[in-house]
Amino acid sequence: MTDSRSHPAATSPARTPVTLLIADDDEVTRSGLRTLLAAQPGISVVGEAADGVEAVEQVRRLRPDVVLMDVRMPRRDGIEATRQLLAEPAEPPEVVVITTFENDGYVTAALSAGASGFVLKRLPVRQIAEAVRVVAAGEAVLFPAALRRMVAARPLSSAEALPKAALTEREEEVLRLVATGRSNPEIAQSLVVSLETVKTHVGNVLTKLGAQNRTHAVVIAYESGLVVPGFIG
């Protein structure tokens, strides 16, 4: 997971380019993103989609590593498209939501549906490219402060609250650190444990919460009150 900090894995181009599909109903935005992101190291833009229906069809055909998904689109929005893609039997892509407003309630719903994170359209293209590379490497892209604001703006969903099958004390500690934007290596350093131990704890957290990924687990943590505004780790 990353916030305003940069991790080494996020800035080093992969051996093979990350394949990317861009889904946005605005043709100018979509074309601009394609041109700019295709020029970034380690990224190959393999296709575009103008709505959620087309996004699902193109993913099935092109099998990109990552989808940069707008949430407000005709025919099928980015939330439903994300949910459908992640329910596919074939290995699904990672999904990064791209939005104009960081307090967009659609974004929180998309994260709950399984998106690996979100970026703002106004960000410099190098930061959007970094987000694509980060999620392709198995991490998540999230701005904790913005997520807190989004979660606070929507009612608590009992379905997403922490289940009664409680996390262990160490698992709760790891989840709180994940929610602050820490990567696995940073959590390992903070807790003075091995990286493999952290990965095991994160895996246990996801399983117990029934979370799609790290980002969804963080949404659950905020909505349940396990992580509260002001917590910095």
Foldseek 3Di string as FASTA:
>chain_A
DAAPDDDPQLPDADPAAQEEEEEAQDPVLQVVLQVLLCPDGRHHHDYYHNALVRVLVVCVVPVGQEYAAEADGPPHGRQVSLLVQLVDPPDGHAYEYEEADLLDLSQLSSVLSQHQEYDYSPDPSSVVSSQSSQVSVPHGYYHLVSLLNNLVVDAQDPLLAQDPVDDDPVLLVLLLQVSLGDDLVRVCVVVVHDSVVSVVSLVVLCVRSVGNGSSSSSSNCSSNVSHDPPDND
